[in-house]
Amino acid sequence: MQETRQNRIARLLQKELSVIFQQQTRAMRGVMVSVTHAKVSPDLSICTAHLSVFPSERGQEILDNINAQKSQIRFELGNRIKSQVRIIPDLRFFIDDSLDYLEKIDELLKK
């Protein structure tokens, strides 16, 4: 039962974080950030989100910017989901480089 709640909260956080990043990156031309995976700790206090950044060359720069704005992102997330959860989880962001890895393997197979 706990796992079902964790999955439901993780999907909610993934959706809401995606909307937040979409709104924030709208002003930055040529940059797109999407949340590929979100996972919540069993006590629902920590959310680990994996982000896919396009263009991937700017991934670390965007991640540093997101980590600097983490408290503001958490505040906005809290305003969006305050009626659905009791505790707004602490956010941890990581770059999801699985698409780059697949592209690299595809290139190697073509050679």
PDB file of N, CA and C in Angstrom:
ATOM      1  N   MET A   1       0.819  -1.192   0.000  1.00  0.00           N
ATOM      2  CA  MET A   1       0.000   0.000   0.000  1.00  0.00           C
ATOM      3  C   MET A   1       0.863   1.255   0.000  1.00  0.00           C
ATOM      4  N   GLN A   2       1.927   1.239   0.795  1.00  0.00           N
ATOM      5  CA  GLN A   2       2.824   2.392   0.842  1.00  0.00           C
ATOM      6  C   GLN A   2       3.437   2.655  -0.528  1.00  0.00           C
ATOM      7  N   GLU A   3       3.792   1.608  -1.241  1.00  0.00           N
ATOM      8  CA  GLU A   3       4.411   1.776  -2.551  1.00  0.00           C
ATOM      9  C   GLU A   3       3.446   2.411  -3.553  1.00  0.00           C
ATOM     10  N   THR A   4       2.178   2.079  -3.461  1.00  0.00           N
ATOM     11  CA  THR A   4       1.183   2.670  -4.352  1.00  0.00           C
ATOM     12  C   THR A   4       1.086   4.174  -4.105  1.00  0.00           C
ATOM     13  N   ARG A   5       1.081   4.573  -2.861  1.00  0.00           N
ATOM     14  CA  ARG A   5       1.035   5.996  -2.531  1.00  0.00           C
ATOM     15  C   ARG A   5       2.299   6.703  -3.013  1.00  0.00           C
ATOM     16  N   GLN A   6       3.452   6.074  -2.819  1.00  0.00           N
ATOM     17  CA  GLN A   6       4.708   6.645  -3.299  1.00  0.00           C
ATOM     18  C   GLN A   6       4.661   6.874  -4.804  1.00  0.00           C
ATOM     19  N   ASN A   7       4.187   5.894  -5.549  1.00  0.00           N
ATOM     20  CA  ASN A   7       4.116   6.014  -7.004  1.00  0.00           C
ATOM     21  C   ASN A   7       3.151   7.115  -7.427  1.00  0.00           C
ATOM     22  N   ARG A   8       2.050   7.224  -6.742  1.00  0.00           N
ATOM     23  CA  ARG A   8       1.060   8.257  -7.064  1.00  0.00           C
ATOM     24  C   ARG A   8       1.623   9.653  -6.804  1.00  0.00           C
ATOM     25  N   ILE A   9       2.300   9.820  -5.676  1.00  0.00           N
ATOM     26  CA  ILE A   9       2.905  11.103  -5.341  1.00  0.00           C
ATOM     27  C   ILE A   9       4.048  11.412  -6.315  1.00  0.00           C
ATOM     28  N   ALA A  10       4.825  10.406  -6.684  1.00  0.00           N
ATOM     29  CA  ALA A  10       5.931  10.606  -7.630  1.00  0.00           C
ATOM     30  C   ALA A  10       5.409  11.067  -8.990  1.00  0.00           C
ATOM     31  N   ARG A  11       4.314  10.474  -9.461  1.00  0.00           N
ATOM     32  CA  ARG A  11       3.732  10.896 -10.740  1.00  0.00           C
ATOM     33  C   ARG A  11       3.206  12.326 -10.650  1.00  0.00           C
ATOM     34  N   LEU A  12       2.587  12.664  -9.526  1.00  0.00           N
ATOM     35  CA  LEU A  12       2.092  14.024  -9.323  1.00  0.00           C
ATOM     36  C   LEU A  12       3.246  15.025  -9.339  1.00  0.00           C
ATOM     37  N   LEU A  13       4.327  14.710  -8.630  1.00  0.00           N
ATOM     38  CA  LEU A  13       5.475  15.605  -8.581  1.00  0.00           C
ATOM     39  C   LEU A  13       6.128  15.740  -9.950  1.00  0.00           C
ATOM     40  N   GLN A  14       6.221  14.638 -10.680  1.00  0.00           N
ATOM     41  CA  GLN A  14       6.807  14.669 -12.016  1.00  0.00           C
ATOM     42  C   GLN A  14       6.003  15.591 -12.931  1.00  0.00           C
ATOM     43  N   LYS A  15       4.699  15.459 -12.882  1.00  0.00           N
ATOM     44  CA  LYS A  15       3.827  16.284 -13.725  1.00  0.00           C
ATOM     45  C   LYS A  15       3.939  17.760 -13.361  1.00  0.00           C
ATOM     46  N   GLU A  16       3.878  18.071 -12.079  1.00  0.00           N
ATOM     47  CA  GLU A  16       3.912  19.466 -11.647  1.00  0.00           C
ATOM     48  C   GLU A  16       5.288  20.096 -11.876  1.00  0.00           C
ATOM     49  N   LEU A  17       6.350  19.349 -11.644  1.00  0.00           N
ATOM     50  CA  LEU A  17       7.687  19.877 -11.918  1.00  0.00           C
ATOM     51  C   LEU A  17       7.871  20.133 -13.405  1.00  0.00           C
ATOM     52  N   SER A  18       7.328  19.264 -14.239  1.00  0.00           N
ATOM     53  CA  SER A  18       7.411  19.474 -15.689  1.00  0.00           C
ATOM     54  C   SER A  18       6.735  20.775 -16.095  1.00  0.00           C
ATOM     55  N   VAL A  19       5.579  21.048 -15.515  1.00  0.00           N
ATOM     56  CA  VAL A  19       4.862  22.287 -15.823  1.00  0.00           C
ATOM     57  C   VAL A  19       5.672  23.502 -15.350  1.00  0.00           C
ATOM     58  N   ILE A  20       6.249  23.409 -14.170  1.00  0.00           N
ATOM     59  CA  ILE A  20       7.051  24.509 -13.628  1.00  0.00           C
ATOM     60  C   ILE A  20       8.246  24.786 -14.531  1.00  0.00           C
ATOM     61  N   PHE A  21       8.960  23.735 -14.935  1.00  0.00           N
ATOM     62  CA  PHE A  21      10.126  23.929 -15.793  1.00  0.00           C
ATOM     63  C   PHE A  21       9.730  24.433 -17.172  1.00  0.00           C
ATOM     64  N   GLN A  22       8.593  24.006 -17.657  1.00  0.00           N
ATOM     65  CA  GLN A  22       8.122  24.476 -18.955  1.00  0.00           C
ATOM     66  C   GLN A  22       7.848  25.981 -18.893  1.00  0.00           C
ATOM     67  N   GLN A  23       7.250  26.432 -17.819  1.00  0.00           N
ATOM     68  CA  GLN A  23       6.977  27.866 -17.669  1.00  0.00           C
ATOM     69  C   GLN A  23       8.263  28.669 -17.508  1.00  0.00           C
ATOM     70  N   GLN A  24       9.208  28.130 -16.752  1.00  0.00           N
ATOM     71  CA  GLN A  24      10.449  28.866 -16.509  1.00  0.00           C
ATOM     72  C   GLN A  24      11.341  28.921 -17.739  1.00  0.00           C
ATOM     73  N   THR A  25      11.365  27.877 -18.536  1.00  0.00           N
ATOM     74  CA  THR A  25      12.256  27.853 -19.698  1.00  0.00           C
ATOM     75  C   THR A  25      11.620  28.491 -20.926  1.00  0.00           C
ATOM     76  N   ARG A  26      10.376  28.877 -20.841  1.00  0.00           N
ATOM     77  CA  ARG A  26       9.716  29.538 -21.961  1.00  0.00           C
ATOM     78  C   ARG A  26      10.438  30.837 -22.323  1.00  0.00           C
ATOM     79  N   ALA A  27      10.969  31.524 -21.318  1.00  0.00           N
ATOM     80  CA  ALA A  27      11.680  32.777 -21.566  1.00  0.00           C
ATOM     81  C   ALA A  27      13.055  32.542 -22.188  1.00  0.00           C
ATOM     82  N   MET A  28      13.634  31.382 -21.956  1.00  0.00           N
ATOM     83  CA  MET A  28      14.954  31.064 -22.497  1.00  0.00           C
ATOM     84  C   MET A  28      14.782  30.369 -23.845  1.00  0.00           C
ATOM     85  N   ARG A  29      15.147  31.043 -24.890  1.00  0.00           N
ATOM     86  CA  ARG A  29      14.991  30.486 -26.233  1.00  0.00           C
ATOM     87  C   ARG A  29      16.003  29.365 -26.469  1.00  0.00           C
ATOM     88  N   GLY A  30      15.521  28.283 -27.060  1.00  0.00           N
ATOM     89  CA  GLY A  30      16.407  27.185 -27.437  1.00  0.00           C
ATOM     90  C   GLY A  30      16.765  26.222 -26.323  1.00  0.00           C
ATOM     91  N   VAL A  31      16.090  26.308 -25.183  1.00  0.00           N
ATOM     92  CA  VAL A  31      16.361  25.410 -24.060  1.00  0.00           C
ATOM     93  C   VAL A  31      15.069  24.721 -23.664  1.00  0.00           C
ATOM     94  N   MET A  32      15.157  23.414 -23.447  1.00  0.00           N
ATOM     95  CA  MET A  32      13.992  22.659 -23.007  1.00  0.00           C
ATOM     96  C   MET A  32      14.416  21.725 -21.870  1.00  0.00           C
ATOM     97  N   VAL A  33      13.665  21.737 -20.792  1.00  0.00           N
ATOM     98  CA  VAL A  33      13.924  20.869 -19.643  1.00  0.00           C
ATOM     99  C   VAL A  33      12.677  20.029 -19.411  1.00  0.00           C
ATOM    100  N   SER A  34      12.865  18.711 -19.332  1.00  0.00           N
ATOM    101  CA  SER A  34      11.737  17.837 -19.022  1.00  0.00           C
ATOM    102  C   SER A  34      12.138  16.890 -17.899  1.00  0.00           C
ATOM    103  N   VAL A  35      11.157  16.494 -17.127  1.00  0.00           N
ATOM    104  CA  VAL A  35      11.380  15.576 -16.013  1.00  0.00           C
ATOM    105  C   VAL A  35      11.111  14.168 -16.533  1.00  0.00           C
ATOM    106  N   THR A  36      12.159  13.350 -16.628  1.00  0.00           N
ATOM    107  CA  THR A  36      11.995  12.013 -17.183  1.00  0.00           C
ATOM    108  C   THR A  36      11.577  10.992 -16.134  1.00  0.00           C
ATOM    109  N   HIS A  37      11.986  11.221 -14.885  1.00  0.00           N
ATOM    110  CA  HIS A  37      11.669  10.249 -13.840  1.00  0.00           C
ATOM    111  C   HIS A  37      11.677  10.961 -12.491  1.00  0.00           C
ATOM    112  N   ALA A  38      10.741  10.628 -11.656  1.00  0.00           N
ATOM    113  CA  ALA A  38      10.699  11.162 -10.286  1.00  0.00           C
ATOM    114  C   ALA A  38      10.494   9.992  -9.333  1.00  0.00           C
ATOM    115  N   LYS A  39      11.208  10.028  -8.233  1.00  0.00           N
ATOM    116  CA  LYS A  39      11.100   8.978  -7.224  1.00  0.00           C
ATOM    117  C   LYS A  39      11.000   9.643  -5.863  1.00  0.00           C
ATOM    118  N   VAL A  40      10.129   9.100  -5.012  1.00  0.00           N
ATOM    119  CA  VAL A  40       9.894   9.672  -3.692  1.00  0.00           C
ATOM    120  C   VAL A  40      10.348   8.673  -2.638  1.00  0.00           C
ATOM    121  N   SER A  41      10.961   9.171  -1.578  1.00  0.00           N
ATOM    122  CA  SER A  41      11.392   8.309  -0.478  1.00  0.00           C
ATOM    123  C   SER A  41      10.170   7.724   0.228  1.00  0.00           C
ATOM    124  N   PRO A  42      10.345   6.629   0.956  1.00  0.00           N
ATOM    125  CA  PRO A  42       9.186   6.003   1.631  1.00  0.00           C
ATOM    126  C   PRO A  42       8.446   6.921   2.593  1.00  0.00           C
ATOM    127  N   ASP A  43       9.150   7.869   3.219  1.00  0.00           N
ATOM    128  CA  ASP A  43       8.459   8.791   4.129  1.00  0.00           C
ATOM    129  C   ASP A  43       7.960  10.048   3.418  1.00  0.00           C
ATOM    130  N   LEU A  44       8.078  10.081   2.093  1.00  0.00           N
ATOM    131  CA  LEU A  44       7.590  11.159   1.228  1.00  0.00           C
ATOM    132  C   LEU A  44       8.257  12.504   1.518  1.00  0.00           C
ATOM    133  N   SER A  45       9.461  12.495   2.093  1.00  0.00           N
ATOM    134  CA  SER A  45      10.129  13.750   2.429  1.00  0.00           C
ATOM    135  C   SER A  45      11.185  14.167   1.416  1.00  0.00           C
ATOM    136  N   ILE A  46      11.592  13.253   0.529  1.00  0.00           N
ATOM    137  CA  ILE A  46      12.618  13.561  -0.465  1.00  0.00           C
ATOM    138  C   ILE A  46      12.143  13.101  -1.832  1.00  0.00           C
ATOM    139  N   CYS A  47      12.246  13.995  -2.800  1.00  0.00           N
ATOM    140  CA  CYS A  47      11.911  13.667  -4.181  1.00  0.00           C
ATOM    141  C   CYS A  47      13.183  13.788  -5.023  1.00  0.00           C
ATOM    142  N   THR A  48      13.526  12.704  -5.702  1.00  0.00           N
ATOM    143  CA  THR A  48      14.661  12.697  -6.609  1.00  0.00           C
ATOM    144  C   THR A  48      14.115  12.761  -8.024  1.00  0.00           C
ATOM    145  N   ALA A  49      14.475  13.824  -8.741  1.00  0.00           N
ATOM    146  CA  ALA A  49      13.962  14.022 -10.099  1.00  0.00           C
ATOM    147  C   ALA A  49      15.120  13.977 -11.089  1.00  0.00           C
ATOM    148  N   HIS A  50      14.936  13.219 -12.162  1.00  0.00           N
ATOM    149  CA  HIS A  50      15.920  13.135 -13.234  1.00  0.00           C
ATOM    150  C   HIS A  50      15.437  14.018 -14.378  1.00  0.00           C
ATOM    151  N   LEU A  51      16.323  14.924 -14.813  1.00  0.00           N
ATOM    152  CA  LEU A  51      15.961  15.912 -15.812  1.00  0.00           C
ATOM    153  C   LEU A  51      16.680  15.642 -17.127  1.00  0.00           C
ATOM    154  N   SER A  52      15.943  15.808 -18.197  1.00  0.00           N
ATOM    155  CA  SER A  52      16.519  15.740 -19.526  1.00  0.00           C
ATOM    156  C   SER A  52      16.577  17.162 -20.060  1.00  0.00           C
ATOM    157  N   VAL A  53      17.779  17.582 -20.478  1.00  0.00           N
ATOM    158  CA  VAL A  53      17.989  18.957 -20.916  1.00  0.00           C
ATOM    159  C   VAL A  53      18.354  18.955 -22.390  1.00  0.00           C
ATOM    160  N   PHE A  54      17.687  19.828 -23.151  1.00  0.00           N
ATOM    161  CA  PHE A  54      18.032  20.005 -24.551  1.00  0.00           C
ATOM    162  C   PHE A  54      18.411  21.459 -24.761  1.00  0.00           C
ATOM    163  N   PRO A  55      19.517  21.785 -25.309  1.00  0.00           N
ATOM    164  CA  PRO A  55      20.600  20.942 -25.810  1.00  0.00           C
ATOM    165  C   PRO A  55      21.427  20.371 -24.660  1.00  0.00           C
ATOM    166  N   SER A  56      21.891  19.168 -24.840  1.00  0.00           N
ATOM    167  CA  SER A  56      22.573  18.456 -23.760  1.00  0.00           C
ATOM    168  C   SER A  56      23.911  19.087 -23.385  1.00  0.00           C
ATOM    169  N   GLU A  57      24.492  19.905 -24.276  1.00  0.00           N
ATOM    170  CA  GLU A  57      25.764  20.567 -23.961  1.00  0.00           C
ATOM    171  C   GLU A  57      25.596  21.549 -22.804  1.00  0.00           C
ATOM    172  N   ARG A  58      24.411  22.091 -22.655  1.00  0.00           N
ATOM    173  CA  ARG A  58      24.154  23.069 -21.587  1.00  0.00           C
ATOM    174  C   ARG A  58      23.571  22.416 -20.337  1.00  0.00           C
ATOM    175  N   GLY A  59      23.607  21.105 -20.277  1.00  0.00           N
ATOM    176  CA  GLY A  59      22.980  20.375 -19.178  1.00  0.00           C
ATOM    177  C   GLY A  59      23.496  20.755 -17.809  1.00  0.00           C
ATOM    178  N   GLN A  60      24.823  20.798 -17.647  1.00  0.00           N
ATOM    179  CA  GLN A  60      25.387  21.102 -16.336  1.00  0.00           C
ATOM    180  C   GLN A  60      25.090  22.541 -15.934  1.00  0.00           C
ATOM    181  N   GLU A  61      25.150  23.446 -16.881  1.00  0.00           N
ATOM    182  CA  GLU A  61      24.831  24.851 -16.611  1.00  0.00           C
ATOM    183  C   GLU A  61      23.383  25.008 -16.144  1.00  0.00           C
ATOM    184  N   ILE A  62      22.474  24.337 -16.829  1.00  0.00           N
ATOM    185  CA  ILE A  62      21.051  24.410 -16.461  1.00  0.00           C
ATOM    186  C   ILE A  62      20.827  23.755 -15.099  1.00  0.00           C
ATOM    187  N   LEU A  63      21.492  22.612 -14.848  1.00  0.00           N
ATOM    188  CA  LEU A  63      21.343  21.928 -13.556  1.00  0.00           C
ATOM    189  C   LEU A  63      21.842  22.806 -12.415  1.00  0.00           C
ATOM    190  N   ASP A  64      22.965  23.492 -12.611  1.00  0.00           N
ATOM    191  CA  ASP A  64      23.471  24.396 -11.578  1.00  0.00           C
ATOM    192  C   ASP A  64      22.480  25.530 -11.320  1.00  0.00           C
ATOM    193  N   ASN A  65      21.891  26.049 -12.375  1.00  0.00           N
ATOM    194  CA  ASN A  65      20.896  27.111 -12.257  1.00  0.00           C
ATOM    195  C   ASN A  65      19.660  26.608 -11.499  1.00  0.00           C
ATOM    196  N   ILE A  66      19.217  25.404 -11.816  1.00  0.00           N
ATOM    197  CA  ILE A  66      18.050  24.818 -11.143  1.00  0.00           C
ATOM    198  C   ILE A  66      18.348  24.596  -9.660  1.00  0.00           C
ATOM    199  N   ASN A  67      19.551  24.084  -9.362  1.00  0.00           N
ATOM    200  CA  ASN A  67      19.908  23.859  -7.960  1.00  0.00           C
ATOM    201  C   ASN A  67      20.001  25.174  -7.191  1.00  0.00           C
ATOM    202  N   ALA A  68      20.422  26.257  -7.860  1.00  0.00           N
ATOM    203  CA  ALA A  68      20.464  27.567  -7.202  1.00  0.00           C
ATOM    204  C   ALA A  68      19.055  28.088  -6.915  1.00  0.00           C
ATOM    205  N   GLN A  69      18.077  27.699  -7.738  1.00  0.00           N
ATOM    206  CA  GLN A  69      16.687  28.149  -7.597  1.00  0.00           C
ATOM    207  C   GLN A  69      15.813  27.113  -6.876  1.00  0.00           C
ATOM    208  N   LYS A  70      16.435  26.131  -6.239  1.00  0.00           N
ATOM    209  CA  LYS A  70      15.698  25.008  -5.658  1.00  0.00           C
ATOM    210  C   LYS A  70      14.622  25.436  -4.660  1.00  0.00           C
ATOM    211  N   SER A  71      14.915  26.418  -3.822  1.00  0.00           N
ATOM    212  CA  SER A  71      13.923  26.833  -2.813  1.00  0.00           C
ATOM    213  C   SER A  71      12.715  27.489  -3.472  1.00  0.00           C
ATOM    214  N   GLN A  72      12.938  28.266  -4.525  1.00  0.00           N
ATOM    215  CA  GLN A  72      11.824  28.893  -5.230  1.00  0.00           C
ATOM    216  C   GLN A  72      10.983  27.852  -5.961  1.00  0.00           C
ATOM    217  N   ILE A  73      11.644  26.847  -6.540  1.00  0.00           N
ATOM    218  CA  ILE A  73      10.921  25.776  -7.227  1.00  0.00           C
ATOM    219  C   ILE A  73      10.082  24.991  -6.223  1.00  0.00           C
ATOM    220  N   ARG A  74      10.654  24.723  -5.046  1.00  0.00           N
ATOM    221  CA  ARG A  74       9.919  23.998  -4.007  1.00  0.00           C
ATOM    222  C   ARG A  74       8.721  24.804  -3.518  1.00  0.00           C
ATOM    223  N   PHE A  75       8.894  26.124  -3.385  1.00  0.00           N
ATOM    224  CA  PHE A  75       7.787  26.991  -2.965  1.00  0.00           C
ATOM    225  C   PHE A  75       6.657  26.953  -3.992  1.00  0.00           C
ATOM    226  N   GLU A  76       7.013  27.071  -5.274  1.00  0.00           N
ATOM    227  CA  GLU A  76       5.986  27.037  -6.318  1.00  0.00           C
ATOM    228  C   GLU A  76       5.308  25.665  -6.373  1.00  0.00           C
ATOM    229  N   LEU A  77       6.108  24.605  -6.203  1.00  0.00           N
ATOM    230  CA  LEU A  77       5.541  23.250  -6.162  1.00  0.00           C
ATOM    231  C   LEU A  77       4.583  23.119  -4.982  1.00  0.00           C
ATOM    232  N   GLY A  78       4.969  23.669  -3.852  1.00  0.00           N
ATOM    233  CA  GLY A  78       4.111  23.630  -2.667  1.00  0.00           C
ATOM    234  C   GLY A  78       2.783  24.329  -2.884  1.00  0.00           C
ATOM    235  N   ASN A  79       2.815  25.462  -3.574  1.00  0.00           N
ATOM    236  CA  ASN A  79       1.569  26.172  -3.874  1.00  0.00           C
ATOM    237  C   ASN A  79       0.658  25.352  -4.785  1.00  0.00           C
ATOM    238  N   ARG A  80       1.255  24.550  -5.648  1.00  0.00           N
ATOM    239  CA  ARG A  80       0.457  23.762  -6.589  1.00  0.00           C
ATOM    240  C   ARG A  80      -0.149  22.501  -5.953  1.00  0.00           C
ATOM    241  N   ILE A  81       0.578  21.869  -5.029  1.00  0.00           N
ATOM    242  CA  ILE A  81       0.126  20.562  -4.516  1.00  0.00           C
ATOM    243  C   ILE A  81      -0.215  20.581  -3.030  1.00  0.00           C
ATOM    244  N   LYS A  82      -0.351  21.760  -2.435  1.00  0.00           N
ATOM    245  CA  LYS A  82      -0.568  21.840  -0.989  1.00  0.00           C
ATOM    246  C   LYS A  82      -1.843  21.147  -0.517  1.00  0.00           C
ATOM    247  N   SER A  83      -2.833  21.021  -1.381  1.00  0.00           N
ATOM    248  CA  SER A  83      -4.070  20.376  -0.960  1.00  0.00           C
ATOM    249  C   SER A  83      -4.007  18.856  -1.100  1.00  0.00           C
ATOM    250  N   GLN A  84      -2.950  18.344  -1.729  1.00  0.00           N
ATOM    251  CA  GLN A  84      -2.874  16.913  -1.995  1.00  0.00           C
ATOM    252  C   GLN A  84      -1.859  16.174  -1.127  1.00  0.00           C
ATOM    253  N   VAL A  85      -0.886  16.899  -0.578  1.00  0.00           N
ATOM    254  CA  VAL A  85       0.125  16.266   0.282  1.00  0.00           C
ATOM    255  C   VAL A  85       0.281  17.080   1.560  1.00  0.00           C
ATOM    256  N   ARG A  86       0.729  16.401   2.599  1.00  0.00           N
ATOM    257  CA  ARG A  86       0.917  17.068   3.875  1.00  0.00           C
ATOM    258  C   ARG A  86       2.287  17.737   3.946  1.00  0.00           C
ATOM    259  N   ILE A  87       3.311  17.032   3.448  1.00  0.00           N
ATOM    260  CA  ILE A  87       4.683  17.530   3.488  1.00  0.00           C
ATOM    261  C   ILE A  87       5.152  17.775   2.059  1.00  0.00           C
ATOM    262  N   ILE A  88       5.682  18.951   1.795  1.00  0.00           N
ATOM    263  CA  ILE A  88       6.274  19.226   0.493  1.00  0.00           C
ATOM    264  C   ILE A  88       7.689  18.652   0.536  1.00  0.00           C
ATOM    265  N   PRO A  89       8.008  17.701  -0.326  1.00  0.00           N
ATOM    266  CA  PRO A  89       9.307  17.032  -0.235  1.00  0.00           C
ATOM    267  C   PRO A  89      10.476  17.938  -0.616  1.00  0.00           C
ATOM    268  N   ASP A  90      11.632  17.620  -0.045  1.00  0.00           N
ATOM    269  CA  ASP A  90      12.869  18.271  -0.435  1.00  0.00           C
ATOM    270  C   ASP A  90      13.222  17.762  -1.831  1.00  0.00           C
ATOM    271  N   LEU A  91      13.726  18.640  -2.682  1.00  0.00           N
ATOM    272  CA  LEU A  91      13.970  18.283  -4.078  1.00  0.00           C
ATOM    273  C   LEU A  91      15.449  18.050  -4.339  1.00  0.00           C
ATOM    274  N   ARG A  92      15.732  16.993  -5.094  1.00  0.00           N
ATOM    275  CA  ARG A  92      17.086  16.693  -5.549  1.00  0.00           C
ATOM    276  C   ARG A  92      17.014  16.443  -7.040  1.00  0.00           C
ATOM    277  N   PHE A  93      17.871  17.130  -7.778  1.00  0.00           N
ATOM    278  CA  PHE A  93      17.837  17.042  -9.233  1.00  0.00           C
ATOM    279  C   PHE A  93      19.116  16.411  -9.771  1.00  0.00           C
ATOM    280  N   PHE A  94      18.952  15.572 -10.795  1.00  0.00           N
ATOM    281  CA  PHE A  94      20.065  14.930 -11.474  1.00  0.00           C
ATOM    282  C   PHE A  94      19.815  14.974 -12.975  1.00  0.00           C
ATOM    283  N   ILE A  95      20.899  14.968 -13.741  1.00  0.00           N
ATOM    284  CA  ILE A  95      20.790  14.935 -15.200  1.00  0.00           C
ATOM    285  C   ILE A  95      20.551  13.500 -15.638  1.00  0.00           C
ATOM    286  N   ASP A  96      19.567  13.315 -16.501  1.00  0.00           N
ATOM    287  CA  ASP A  96      19.291  12.010 -17.099  1.00  0.00           C
ATOM    288  C   ASP A  96      19.977  11.990 -18.464  1.00  0.00           C
ATOM    289  N   ASP A  97      21.074  11.264 -18.551  1.00  0.00           N
ATOM    290  CA  ASP A  97      21.834  11.237 -19.794  1.00  0.00           C
ATOM    291  C   ASP A  97      21.607   9.954 -20.593  1.00  0.00           C
ATOM    292  N   SER A  98      20.500   9.293 -20.357  1.00  0.00           N
ATOM    293  CA  SER A  98      20.240   8.032 -21.048  1.00  0.00           C
ATOM    294  C   SER A  98      20.061   8.228 -22.553  1.00  0.00           C
ATOM    295  N   LEU A  99      19.484   9.356 -22.974  1.00  0.00           N
ATOM    296  CA  LEU A  99      19.317   9.607 -24.407  1.00  0.00           C
ATOM    297  C   LEU A  99      20.664   9.841 -25.086  1.00  0.00           C
ATOM    298  N   ASP A 100      21.567  10.537 -24.409  1.00  0.00           N
ATOM    299  CA  ASP A 100      22.908  10.733 -24.957  1.00  0.00           C
ATOM    300  C   ASP A 100      23.643   9.399 -25.066  1.00  0.00           C
ATOM    301  N   TYR A 101      23.461   8.562 -24.055  1.00  0.00           N
ATOM    302  CA  TYR A 101      24.092   7.247 -24.060  1.00  0.00           C
ATOM    303  C   TYR A 101      23.562   6.400 -25.219  1.00  0.00           C
ATOM    304  N   LEU A 102      22.267   6.412 -25.438  1.00  0.00           N
ATOM    305  CA  LEU A 102      21.682   5.664 -26.561  1.00  0.00           C
ATOM    306  C   LEU A 102      22.170   6.196 -27.901  1.00  0.00           C
ATOM    307  N   GLU A 103      22.280   7.496 -28.010  1.00  0.00           N
ATOM    308  CA  GLU A 103      22.763   8.106 -29.247  1.00  0.00           C
ATOM    309  C   GLU A 103      24.214   7.714 -29.518  1.00  0.00           C
ATOM    310  N   LYS A 104      25.025   7.670 -28.473  1.00  0.00           N
ATOM    311  CA  LYS A 104      26.427   7.285 -28.619  1.00  0.00           C
ATOM    312  C   LYS A 104      26.552   5.835 -29.050  1.00  0.00           C
ATOM    313  N   ILE A 105      25.754   4.959 -28.458  1.00  0.00           N
ATOM    314  CA  ILE A 105      25.790   3.540 -28.845  1.00  0.00           C
ATOM    315  C   ILE A 105      25.307   3.365 -30.278  1.00  0.00           C
ATOM    316  N   ASP A 106      24.278   4.116 -30.661  1.00  0.00           N
ATOM    317  CA  ASP A 106      23.780   4.052 -32.028  1.00  0.00           C
ATOM    318  C   ASP A 106      24.853   4.472 -33.030  1.00  0.00           C
ATOM    319  N   GLU A 107      25.600   5.530 -32.676  1.00  0.00           N
ATOM    320  CA  GLU A 107      26.698   5.976 -33.533  1.00  0.00           C
ATOM    321  C   GLU A 107      27.768   4.900 -33.670  1.00  0.00           C
ATOM    322  N   LEU A 108      28.103   4.253 -32.554  1.00  0.00           N
ATOM    323  CA  LEU A 108      29.127   3.210 -32.588  1.00  0.00           C
ATOM    324  C   LEU A 108      28.676   2.011 -33.412  1.00  0.00           C
ATOM    325  N   LEU A 109      27.408   1.677 -33.371  1.00  0.00           N
ATOM    326  CA  LEU A 109      26.901   0.556 -34.141  1.00  0.00           C
ATOM    327  C   LEU A 109      26.882   0.863 -35.635  1.00  0.00           C
ATOM    328  N   LYS A 110      26.725   2.121 -35.991  1.00  0.00           N
ATOM    329  CA  LYS A 110      26.706   2.505 -37.403  1.00  0.00           C
ATOM    330  C   LYS A 110      28.096   2.437 -38.016  1.00  0.00           C
ATOM    331  N   LYS A 111      29.139   2.552 -37.202  1.00  0.00           N
ATOM    332  CA  LYS A 111      30.518   2.536 -37.720  1.00  0.00           C
ATOM    333  C   LYS A 111      30.979   1.174 -38.143  1.00  0.00           C
TER     334      LYS A 111
END
